[in-house]
PDB file of all heavy atoms in Angstrom:
ATOM      1  N   VAL A   1     -16.209  -9.365  -6.608  1.00  0.00           N
ATOM      2  CA  VAL A   1     -16.553  -9.169  -5.193  1.00  0.00           C
ATOM      3  C   VAL A   1     -15.555  -8.211  -4.564  1.00  0.00           C
ATOM      4  O   VAL A   1     -14.335  -8.401  -4.672  1.00  0.00           O
ATOM      5  CB  VAL A   1     -16.550 -10.512  -4.443  1.00  0.00           C
ATOM      6  CG1 VAL A   1     -16.861 -10.290  -2.968  1.00  0.00           C
ATOM      7  CG2 VAL A   1     -17.559 -11.469  -5.061  1.00  0.00           C
ATOM      8  N   LEU A   2     -16.066  -7.177  -3.905  1.00  0.00           N
ATOM      9  CA  LEU A   2     -15.226  -6.216  -3.197  1.00  0.00           C
ATOM     10  C   LEU A   2     -14.705  -6.854  -1.913  1.00  0.00           C
ATOM     11  O   LEU A   2     -15.479  -7.355  -1.097  1.00  0.00           O
ATOM     12  CB  LEU A   2     -16.035  -4.961  -2.871  1.00  0.00           C
ATOM     13  CG  LEU A   2     -15.339  -3.890  -2.023  1.00  0.00           C
ATOM     14  CD1 LEU A   2     -14.177  -3.279  -2.785  1.00  0.00           C
ATOM     15  CD2 LEU A   2     -16.347  -2.806  -1.629  1.00  0.00           C
ATOM     16  N   LYS A   3     -13.367  -6.828  -1.728  1.00  0.00           N
ATOM     17  CA  LYS A   3     -12.764  -7.409  -0.528  1.00  0.00           C
ATOM     18  C   LYS A   3     -11.697  -6.479   0.049  1.00  0.00           C
ATOM     19  O   LYS A   3     -11.202  -5.583  -0.633  1.00  0.00           O
ATOM     20  CB  LYS A   3     -12.130  -8.769  -0.847  1.00  0.00           C
ATOM     21  CG  LYS A   3     -13.128  -9.881  -1.129  1.00  0.00           C
ATOM     22  CD  LYS A   3     -12.414 -11.233  -1.250  1.00  0.00           C
ATOM     23  CE  LYS A   3     -13.395 -12.365  -1.461  1.00  0.00           C
ATOM     24  NZ  LYS A   3     -12.716 -13.687  -1.532  1.00  0.00           N
ATOM     25  N   GLU A   4     -11.362  -6.731   1.307  1.00  0.00           N
ATOM     26  CA  GLU A   4     -10.325  -5.973   2.003  1.00  0.00           C
ATOM     27  C   GLU A   4      -9.110  -6.871   2.218  1.00  0.00           C
ATOM     28  O   GLU A   4      -9.244  -8.025   2.638  1.00  0.00           O
ATOM     29  CB  GLU A   4     -10.850  -5.471   3.353  1.00  0.00           C
ATOM     30  CG  GLU A   4      -9.896  -4.527   4.074  1.00  0.00           C
ATOM     31  CD  GLU A   4     -10.583  -3.820   5.246  1.00  0.00           C
ATOM     32  OE1 GLU A   4     -11.668  -4.287   5.672  1.00  0.00           O
ATOM     33  OE2 GLU A   4     -10.040  -2.816   5.718  1.00  0.00           O
ATOM     34  N   TYR A   5      -7.928  -6.346   1.916  1.00  0.00           N
ATOM     35  CA  TYR A   5      -6.696  -7.136   1.992  1.00  0.00           C
ATOM     36  C   TYR A   5      -5.643  -6.395   2.827  1.00  0.00           C
ATOM     37  O   TYR A   5      -5.568  -5.161   2.801  1.00  0.00           O
ATOM     38  CB  TYR A   5      -6.129  -7.379   0.591  1.00  0.00           C
ATOM     39  CG  TYR A   5      -7.071  -8.124  -0.329  1.00  0.00           C
ATOM     40  CD1 TYR A   5      -7.862  -7.427  -1.246  1.00  0.00           C
ATOM     41  CD2 TYR A   5      -7.170  -9.512  -0.298  1.00  0.00           C
ATOM     42  CE1 TYR A   5      -8.724  -8.109  -2.106  1.00  0.00           C
ATOM     43  CE2 TYR A   5      -8.029 -10.196  -1.152  1.00  0.00           C
ATOM     44  CZ  TYR A   5      -8.802  -9.492  -2.047  1.00  0.00           C
ATOM     45  OH  TYR A   5      -9.651 -10.159  -2.896  1.00  0.00           O
ATOM     46  N   GLU A   6      -4.808  -7.177   3.524  1.00  0.00           N
ATOM     47  CA  GLU A   6      -3.783  -6.595   4.379  1.00  0.00           C
ATOM     48  C   GLU A   6      -2.558  -6.166   3.576  1.00  0.00           C
ATOM     49  O   GLU A   6      -2.132  -6.853   2.639  1.00  0.00           O
ATOM     50  CB  GLU A   6      -3.344  -7.606   5.442  1.00  0.00           C
ATOM     51  CG  GLU A   6      -4.420  -7.915   6.469  1.00  0.00           C
ATOM     52  CD  GLU A   6      -3.915  -8.871   7.543  1.00  0.00           C
ATOM     53  OE1 GLU A   6      -2.742  -9.317   7.450  1.00  0.00           O
ATOM     54  OE2 GLU A   6      -4.693  -9.168   8.470  1.00  0.00           O
ATOM     55  N   VAL A   7      -2.009  -5.003   3.943  1.00  0.00           N
ATOM     56  CA  VAL A   7      -0.767  -4.506   3.359  1.00  0.00           C
ATOM     57  C   VAL A   7       0.100  -3.951   4.477  1.00  0.00           C
ATOM     58  O   VAL A   7      -0.356  -3.795   5.616  1.00  0.00           O
ATOM     59  CB  VAL A   7      -1.024  -3.403   2.301  1.00  0.00           C
ATOM     60  CG1 VAL A   7      -1.923  -3.918   1.186  1.00  0.00           C
ATOM     61  CG2 VAL A   7      -1.620  -2.147   2.938  1.00  0.00           C
ATOM     62  N   GLN A   8       1.329  -3.654   4.149  1.00  0.00           N
ATOM     63  CA  GLN A   8       2.261  -3.044   5.092  1.00  0.00           C
ATOM     64  C   GLN A   8       2.744  -1.724   4.499  1.00  0.00           C
ATOM     65  O   GLN A   8       3.195  -1.682   3.342  1.00  0.00           O
ATOM     66  CB  GLN A   8       3.459  -3.974   5.335  1.00  0.00           C
ATOM     67  CG  GLN A   8       4.371  -3.556   6.472  1.00  0.00           C
ATOM     68  CD  GLN A   8       3.860  -3.988   7.840  1.00  0.00           C
ATOM     69  OE1 GLN A   8       2.828  -4.669   7.917  1.00  0.00           O
ATOM     70  NE2 GLN A   8       4.537  -3.612   8.893  1.00  0.00           N
ATOM     71  N   ILE A   9       2.628  -0.638   5.265  1.00  0.00           N
ATOM     72  CA  ILE A   9       3.204   0.629   4.841  1.00  0.00           C
ATOM     73  C   ILE A   9       4.668   0.647   5.276  1.00  0.00           C
ATOM     74  O   ILE A   9       4.972   0.611   6.460  1.00  0.00           O
ATOM     75  CB  ILE A   9       2.448   1.826   5.429  1.00  0.00           C
ATOM     76  CG1 ILE A   9       1.001   1.828   4.942  1.00  0.00           C
ATOM     77  CG2 ILE A   9       3.133   3.151   5.041  1.00  0.00           C
ATOM     78  CD1 ILE A   9       0.153   2.942   5.514  1.00  0.00           C
ATOM     79  N   GLU A  10       5.558   0.664   4.291  1.00  0.00           N
ATOM     80  CA  GLU A  10       6.983   0.578   4.587  1.00  0.00           C
ATOM     81  C   GLU A  10       7.650   1.942   4.724  1.00  0.00           C
ATOM     82  O   GLU A  10       8.663   2.074   5.410  1.00  0.00           O
ATOM     83  CB  GLU A  10       7.697  -0.214   3.493  1.00  0.00           C
ATOM     84  CG  GLU A  10       7.264  -1.664   3.410  1.00  0.00           C
ATOM     85  CD  GLU A  10       8.108  -2.473   2.450  1.00  0.00           C
ATOM     86  OE1 GLU A  10       8.652  -1.890   1.483  1.00  0.00           O
ATOM     87  OE2 GLU A  10       8.236  -3.699   2.661  1.00  0.00           O
ATOM     88  N   LYS A  11       7.084   2.959   4.066  1.00  0.00           N
ATOM     89  CA  LYS A  11       7.713   4.283   4.096  1.00  0.00           C
ATOM     90  C   LYS A  11       6.636   5.344   3.891  1.00  0.00           C
ATOM     91  O   LYS A  11       5.755   5.180   3.062  1.00  0.00           O
ATOM     92  CB  LYS A  11       8.779   4.396   2.999  1.00  0.00           C
ATOM     93  CG  LYS A  11       9.498   5.729   2.953  1.00  0.00           C
ATOM     94  CD  LYS A  11      10.529   5.760   1.826  1.00  0.00           C
ATOM     95  CE  LYS A  11      11.234   7.100   1.746  1.00  0.00           C
ATOM     96  NZ  LYS A  11      12.218   7.144   0.629  1.00  0.00           N
ATOM     97  N   VAL A  12       6.740   6.421   4.654  1.00  0.00           N
ATOM     98  CA  VAL A  12       5.844   7.567   4.494  1.00  0.00           C
ATOM     99  C   VAL A  12       6.708   8.792   4.220  1.00  0.00           C
ATOM    100  O   VAL A  12       7.629   9.102   4.984  1.00  0.00           O
ATOM    101  CB  VAL A  12       4.988   7.802   5.754  1.00  0.00           C
ATOM    102  CG1 VAL A  12       4.059   8.997   5.546  1.00  0.00           C
ATOM    103  CG2 VAL A  12       4.189   6.553   6.112  1.00  0.00           C
ATOM    104  N   THR A  13       6.442   9.474   3.108  1.00  0.00           N
ATOM    105  CA  THR A  13       7.204  10.661   2.738  1.00  0.00           C
ATOM    106  C   THR A  13       6.349  11.894   2.988  1.00  0.00           C
ATOM    107  O   THR A  13       5.363  12.128   2.272  1.00  0.00           O
ATOM    108  CB  THR A  13       7.616  10.618   1.246  1.00  0.00           C
ATOM    109  OG1 THR A  13       8.367   9.426   1.011  1.00  0.00           O
ATOM    110  CG2 THR A  13       8.465  11.832   0.881  1.00  0.00           C
ATOM    111  N   ARG A  14       6.681  12.682   4.021  1.00  0.00           N
ATOM    112  CA  ARG A  14       5.929  13.904   4.309  1.00  0.00           C
ATOM    113  C   ARG A  14       6.143  14.888   3.153  1.00  0.00           C
ATOM    114  O   ARG A  14       7.271  15.123   2.744  1.00  0.00           O
ATOM    115  CB  ARG A  14       6.385  14.541   5.616  1.00  0.00           C
ATOM    116  CG  ARG A  14       6.495  13.562   6.781  1.00  0.00           C
ATOM    117  CD  ARG A  14       5.163  12.925   7.150  1.00  0.00           C
ATOM    118  NE  ARG A  14       5.314  11.941   8.225  1.00  0.00           N
ATOM    119  CZ  ARG A  14       4.404  11.081   8.604  1.00  0.00           C
ATOM    120  NH1 ARG A  14       3.234  11.070   7.978  1.00  0.00           N
ATOM    121  NH2 ARG A  14       4.625  10.230   9.580  1.00  0.00           N
ATOM    122  N   GLN A  15       5.064  15.451   2.651  1.00  0.00           N
ATOM    123  CA  GLN A  15       5.147  16.258   1.432  1.00  0.00           C
ATOM    124  C   GLN A  15       4.440  17.599   1.594  1.00  0.00           C
ATOM    125  O   GLN A  15       3.289  17.653   2.017  1.00  0.00           O
ATOM    126  CB  GLN A  15       4.508  15.501   0.253  1.00  0.00           C
ATOM    127  CG  GLN A  15       5.236  14.215  -0.100  1.00  0.00           C
ATOM    128  CD  GLN A  15       4.445  13.354  -1.076  1.00  0.00           C
ATOM    129  OE1 GLN A  15       3.227  13.331  -1.039  1.00  0.00           O
ATOM    130  NE2 GLN A  15       5.153  12.655  -1.952  1.00  0.00           N
ATOM    131  N   ASN A  16       5.164  18.665   1.241  1.00  0.00           N
ATOM    132  CA  ASN A  16       4.545  19.987   1.158  1.00  0.00           C
ATOM    133  C   ASN A  16       3.945  20.218  -0.221  1.00  0.00           C
ATOM    134  O   ASN A  16       3.043  21.027  -0.393  1.00  0.00           O
ATOM    135  CB  ASN A  16       5.581  21.082   1.458  1.00  0.00           C
ATOM    136  CG  ASN A  16       6.075  21.027   2.893  1.00  0.00           C
ATOM    137  OD1 ASN A  16       5.295  20.752   3.803  1.00  0.00           O
ATOM    138  ND2 ASN A  16       7.348  21.284   3.101  1.00  0.00           N
ATOM    139  N   ARG A  17       4.495  19.526  -1.224  1.00  0.00           N
ATOM    140  CA  ARG A  17       3.990  19.636  -2.587  1.00  0.00           C
ATOM    141  C   ARG A  17       3.327  18.322  -2.986  1.00  0.00           C
ATOM    142  O   ARG A  17       3.773  17.236  -2.594  1.00  0.00           O
ATOM    143  CB  ARG A  17       5.132  19.967  -3.545  1.00  0.00           C
ATOM    144  CG  ARG A  17       5.856  21.251  -3.202  1.00  0.00           C
ATOM    145  CD  ARG A  17       6.985  21.547  -4.171  1.00  0.00           C
ATOM    146  NE  ARG A  17       6.478  21.827  -5.507  1.00  0.00           N
ATOM    147  CZ  ARG A  17       7.276  22.137  -6.522  1.00  0.00           C
ATOM    148  NH1 ARG A  17       8.585  22.194  -6.354  1.00  0.00           N
ATOM    149  NH2 ARG A  17       6.754  22.395  -7.710  1.00  0.00           N
ATOM    150  N   VAL A  18       2.279  18.424  -3.786  1.00  0.00           N
ATOM    151  CA  VAL A  18       1.510  17.237  -4.164  1.00  0.00           C
ATOM    152  C   VAL A  18       2.355  16.303  -5.021  1.00  0.00           C
ATOM    153  O   VAL A  18       3.060  16.729  -5.932  1.00  0.00           O
ATOM    154  CB  VAL A  18       0.239  17.644  -4.937  1.00  0.00           C
ATOM    155  CG1 VAL A  18      -0.575  16.418  -5.302  1.00  0.00           C
ATOM    156  CG2 VAL A  18      -0.603  18.598  -4.102  1.00  0.00           C
ATOM    157  N   ASP A  19       2.293  15.011  -4.717  1.00  0.00           N
ATOM    158  CA  ASP A  19       3.015  13.994  -5.468  1.00  0.00           C
ATOM    159  C   ASP A  19       2.233  12.690  -5.363  1.00  0.00           C
ATOM    160  O   ASP A  19       1.563  12.442  -4.356  1.00  0.00           O
ATOM    161  CB  ASP A  19       4.426  13.816  -4.911  1.00  0.00           C
ATOM    162  CG  ASP A  19       5.345  13.086  -5.874  1.00  0.00           C
ATOM    163  OD1 ASP A  19       5.047  11.919  -6.188  1.00  0.00           O
ATOM    164  OD2 ASP A  19       6.345  13.655  -6.317  1.00  0.00           O
ATOM    165  N   THR A  20       2.321  11.870  -6.407  1.00  0.00           N
ATOM    166  CA  THR A  20       1.609  10.591  -6.385  1.00  0.00           C
ATOM    167  C   THR A  20       2.389   9.511  -5.633  1.00  0.00           C
ATOM    168  O   THR A  20       1.858   8.429  -5.396  1.00  0.00           O
ATOM    169  CB  THR A  20       1.333  10.099  -7.817  1.00  0.00           C
ATOM    170  OG1 THR A  20       2.567   9.989  -8.519  1.00  0.00           O
ATOM    171  CG2 THR A  20       0.417  11.060  -8.557  1.00  0.00           C
ATOM    172  N   LYS A  21       3.628   9.798  -5.279  1.00  0.00           N
ATOM    173  CA  LYS A  21       4.465   8.812  -4.582  1.00  0.00           C
ATOM    174  C   LYS A  21       4.654   9.243  -3.138  1.00  0.00           C
ATOM    175  O   LYS A  21       5.722   9.655  -2.711  1.00  0.00           O
ATOM    176  CB  LYS A  21       5.797   8.648  -5.311  1.00  0.00           C
ATOM    177  CG  LYS A  21       5.626   8.131  -6.748  1.00  0.00           C
ATOM    178  CD  LYS A  21       6.947   8.051  -7.489  1.00  0.00           C
ATOM    179  CE  LYS A  21       6.741   7.533  -8.912  1.00  0.00           C
ATOM    180  NZ  LYS A  21       8.007   7.473  -9.676  1.00  0.00           N
ATOM    181  N   SER A  22       3.568   9.161  -2.379  1.00  0.00           N
ATOM    182  CA  SER A  22       3.560   9.643  -1.003  1.00  0.00           C
ATOM    183  C   SER A  22       4.009   8.594  -0.004  1.00  0.00           C
ATOM    184  O   SER A  22       4.533   8.919   1.055  1.00  0.00           O
ATOM    185  CB  SER A  22       2.151  10.118  -0.630  1.00  0.00           C
ATOM    186  OG  SER A  22       1.658  11.060  -1.553  1.00  0.00           O
ATOM    187  N   MET A  23       3.787   7.322  -0.337  1.00  0.00           N
ATOM    188  CA  MET A  23       4.166   6.243   0.581  1.00  0.00           C
ATOM    189  C   MET A  23       4.457   4.982  -0.218  1.00  0.00           C
ATOM    190  O   MET A  23       3.988   4.818  -1.345  1.00  0.00           O
ATOM    191  CB  MET A  23       3.066   5.991   1.615  1.00  0.00           C
ATOM    192  CG  MET A  23       1.677   5.851   1.046  1.00  0.00           C
ATOM    193  SD  MET A  23       0.392   5.792   2.337  1.00  0.00           S
ATOM    194  CE  MET A  23      -1.015   6.499   1.465  1.00  0.00           C
ATOM    195  N   VAL A  24       5.237   4.121   0.391  1.00  0.00           N
ATOM    196  CA  VAL A  24       5.554   2.822  -0.209  1.00  0.00           C
ATOM    197  C   VAL A  24       4.775   1.762   0.548  1.00  0.00           C
ATOM    198  O   VAL A  24       4.838   1.701   1.781  1.00  0.00           O
ATOM    199  CB  VAL A  24       7.066   2.530  -0.153  1.00  0.00           C
ATOM    200  CG1 VAL A  24       7.347   1.121  -0.677  1.00  0.00           C
ATOM    201  CG2 VAL A  24       7.844   3.562  -0.963  1.00  0.00           C
ATOM    202  N   ILE A  25       4.035   0.941  -0.187  1.00  0.00           N
ATOM    203  CA  ILE A  25       3.271  -0.127   0.453  1.00  0.00           C
ATOM    204  C   ILE A  25       3.726  -1.480  -0.092  1.00  0.00           C
ATOM    205  O   ILE A  25       4.243  -1.575  -1.203  1.00  0.00           O
ATOM    206  CB  ILE A  25       1.754   0.038   0.234  1.00  0.00           C
ATOM    207  CG1 ILE A  25       1.406  -0.107  -1.260  1.00  0.00           C
ATOM    208  CG2 ILE A  25       1.268   1.370   0.768  1.00  0.00           C
ATOM    209  CD1 ILE A  25      -0.087  -0.186  -1.518  1.00  0.00           C
ATOM    210  N   ARG A  26       3.529  -2.506   0.711  1.00  0.00           N
ATOM    211  CA  ARG A  26       3.859  -3.877   0.307  1.00  0.00           C
ATOM    212  C   ARG A  26       2.652  -4.766   0.584  1.00  0.00           C
ATOM    213  O   ARG A  26       2.067  -4.720   1.672  1.00  0.00           O
ATOM    214  CB  ARG A  26       5.082  -4.383   1.068  1.00  0.00           C
ATOM    215  CG  ARG A  26       5.474  -5.827   0.725  1.00  0.00           C
ATOM    216  CD  ARG A  26       6.869  -6.162   1.263  1.00  0.00           C
ATOM    217  NE  ARG A  26       6.980  -5.914   2.686  1.00  0.00           N
ATOM    218  CZ  ARG A  26       6.678  -6.793   3.635  1.00  0.00           C
ATOM    219  NH1 ARG A  26       6.215  -7.998   3.299  1.00  0.00           N
ATOM    220  NH2 ARG A  26       6.822  -6.499   4.908  1.00  0.00           N
ATOM    221  N   ILE A  27       2.282  -5.551  -0.401  1.00  0.00           N
ATOM    222  CA  ILE A  27       1.159  -6.486  -0.235  1.00  0.00           C
ATOM    223  C   ILE A  27       1.622  -7.645   0.643  1.00  0.00           C
ATOM    224  O   ILE A  27       2.631  -8.291   0.357  1.00  0.00           O
ATOM    225  CB  ILE A  27       0.673  -7.028  -1.589  1.00  0.00           C
ATOM    226  CG1 ILE A  27       0.316  -5.878  -2.538  1.00  0.00           C
ATOM    227  CG2 ILE A  27      -0.516  -7.958  -1.397  1.00  0.00           C
ATOM    228  CD1 ILE A  27      -0.806  -4.995  -2.054  1.00  0.00           C
ATOM    229  N   THR A  28       0.881  -7.918   1.706  1.00  0.00           N
ATOM    230  CA  THR A  28       1.225  -9.022   2.615  1.00  0.00           C
ATOM    231  C   THR A  28       0.123 -10.066   2.700  1.00  0.00           C
ATOM    232  O   THR A  28       0.353 -11.154   3.220  1.00  0.00           O
ATOM    233  CB  THR A  28       1.502  -8.482   4.036  1.00  0.00           C
ATOM    234  OG1 THR A  28       0.347  -7.756   4.504  1.00  0.00           O
ATOM    235  CG2 THR A  28       2.717  -7.552   4.036  1.00  0.00           C
ATOM    236  N   ASP A  29      -1.058  -9.760   2.192  1.00  0.00           N
ATOM    237  CA  ASP A  29      -2.194 -10.671   2.299  1.00  0.00           C
ATOM    238  C   ASP A  29      -1.967 -11.903   1.417  1.00  0.00           C
ATOM    239  O   ASP A  29      -1.805 -11.777   0.200  1.00  0.00           O
ATOM    240  CB  ASP A  29      -3.477  -9.953   1.868  1.00  0.00           C
ATOM    241  CG  ASP A  29      -4.720 -10.698   2.286  1.00  0.00           C
ATOM    242  OD1 ASP A  29      -4.990 -11.770   1.713  1.00  0.00           O
ATOM    243  OD2 ASP A  29      -5.418 -10.210   3.191  1.00  0.00           O
ATOM    244  N   PRO A  30      -1.946 -13.120   1.996  1.00  0.00           N
ATOM    245  CA  PRO A  30      -1.686 -14.342   1.210  1.00  0.00           C
ATOM    246  C   PRO A  30      -2.698 -14.554   0.087  1.00  0.00           C
ATOM    247  O   PRO A  30      -2.327 -14.986  -1.008  1.00  0.00           O
ATOM    248  CB  PRO A  30      -1.776 -15.464   2.257  1.00  0.00           C
ATOM    249  CG  PRO A  30      -1.519 -14.796   3.570  1.00  0.00           C
ATOM    250  CD  PRO A  30      -2.091 -13.420   3.440  1.00  0.00           C
ATOM    251  N   GLU A  31      -3.964 -14.246   0.330  1.00  0.00           N
ATOM    252  CA  GLU A  31      -4.999 -14.446  -0.693  1.00  0.00           C
ATOM    253  C   GLU A  31      -4.763 -13.528  -1.898  1.00  0.00           C
ATOM    254  O   GLU A  31      -4.873 -13.952  -3.050  1.00  0.00           O
ATOM    255  CB  GLU A  31      -6.383 -14.176  -0.096  1.00  0.00           C
ATOM    256  CG  GLU A  31      -7.517 -14.401  -1.093  1.00  0.00           C
ATOM    257  CD  GLU A  31      -8.880 -14.073  -0.501  1.00  0.00           C
ATOM    258  OE1 GLU A  31      -8.964 -13.828   0.727  1.00  0.00           O
ATOM    259  OE2 GLU A  31      -9.866 -14.061  -1.273  1.00  0.00           O
ATOM    260  N   LEU A  32      -4.424 -12.277  -1.622  1.00  0.00           N
ATOM    261  CA  LEU A  32      -4.185 -11.331  -2.712  1.00  0.00           C
ATOM    262  C   LEU A  32      -2.907 -11.682  -3.468  1.00  0.00           C
ATOM    263  O   LEU A  32      -2.871 -11.608  -4.709  1.00  0.00           O
ATOM    264  CB  LEU A  32      -4.098  -9.905  -2.162  1.00  0.00           C
ATOM    265  CG  LEU A  32      -3.952  -8.781  -3.183  1.00  0.00           C
ATOM    266  CD1 LEU A  32      -5.083  -8.810  -4.197  1.00  0.00           C
ATOM    267  CD2 LEU A  32      -3.892  -7.419  -2.496  1.00  0.00           C
ATOM    268  N   LEU A  33      -1.873 -12.100  -2.761  1.00  0.00           N
ATOM    269  CA  LEU A  33      -0.626 -12.491  -3.415  1.00  0.00           C
ATOM    270  C   LEU A  33      -0.836 -13.704  -4.319  1.00  0.00           C
ATOM    271  O   LEU A  33      -0.276 -13.779  -5.423  1.00  0.00           O
ATOM    272  CB  LEU A  33       0.448 -12.791  -2.368  1.00  0.00           C
ATOM    273  CG  LEU A  33       1.028 -11.581  -1.625  1.00  0.00           C
ATOM    274  CD1 LEU A  33       1.924 -12.036  -0.482  1.00  0.00           C
ATOM    275  CD2 LEU A  33       1.804 -10.678  -2.585  1.00  0.00           C
ATOM    276  N   GLU A  34      -1.647 -14.647  -3.856  1.00  0.00           N
ATOM    277  CA  GLU A  34      -1.909 -15.830  -4.667  1.00  0.00           C
ATOM    278  C   GLU A  34      -2.708 -15.482  -5.919  1.00  0.00           C
ATOM    279  O   GLU A  34      -2.481 -16.037  -7.004  1.00  0.00           O
ATOM    280  CB  GLU A  34      -2.677 -16.871  -3.845  1.00  0.00           C
ATOM    281  CG  GLU A  34      -2.936 -18.166  -4.598  1.00  0.00           C
ATOM    282  CD  GLU A  34      -3.664 -19.200  -3.755  1.00  0.00           C
ATOM    283  OE1 GLU A  34      -3.903 -18.942  -2.556  1.00  0.00           O
ATOM    284  OE2 GLU A  34      -3.999 -20.278  -4.301  1.00  0.00           O
ATOM    285  N   ALA A  35      -3.619 -14.520  -5.781  1.00  0.00           N
ATOM    286  CA  ALA A  35      -4.501 -14.175  -6.905  1.00  0.00           C
ATOM    287  C   ALA A  35      -3.816 -13.288  -7.933  1.00  0.00           C
ATOM    288  O   ALA A  35      -4.045 -13.425  -9.142  1.00  0.00           O
ATOM    289  CB  ALA A  35      -5.754 -13.481  -6.384  1.00  0.00           C
TER     290      ALA A  35
END
């Protein structure tokens, strides 16, 4: 089942060059953390 879960964006790195590490996120949703 497709679901939506809450996260927190902790850091955003402005980038002129493409990179896969653009931001740091933290999972905060209790249901997702439990699963």
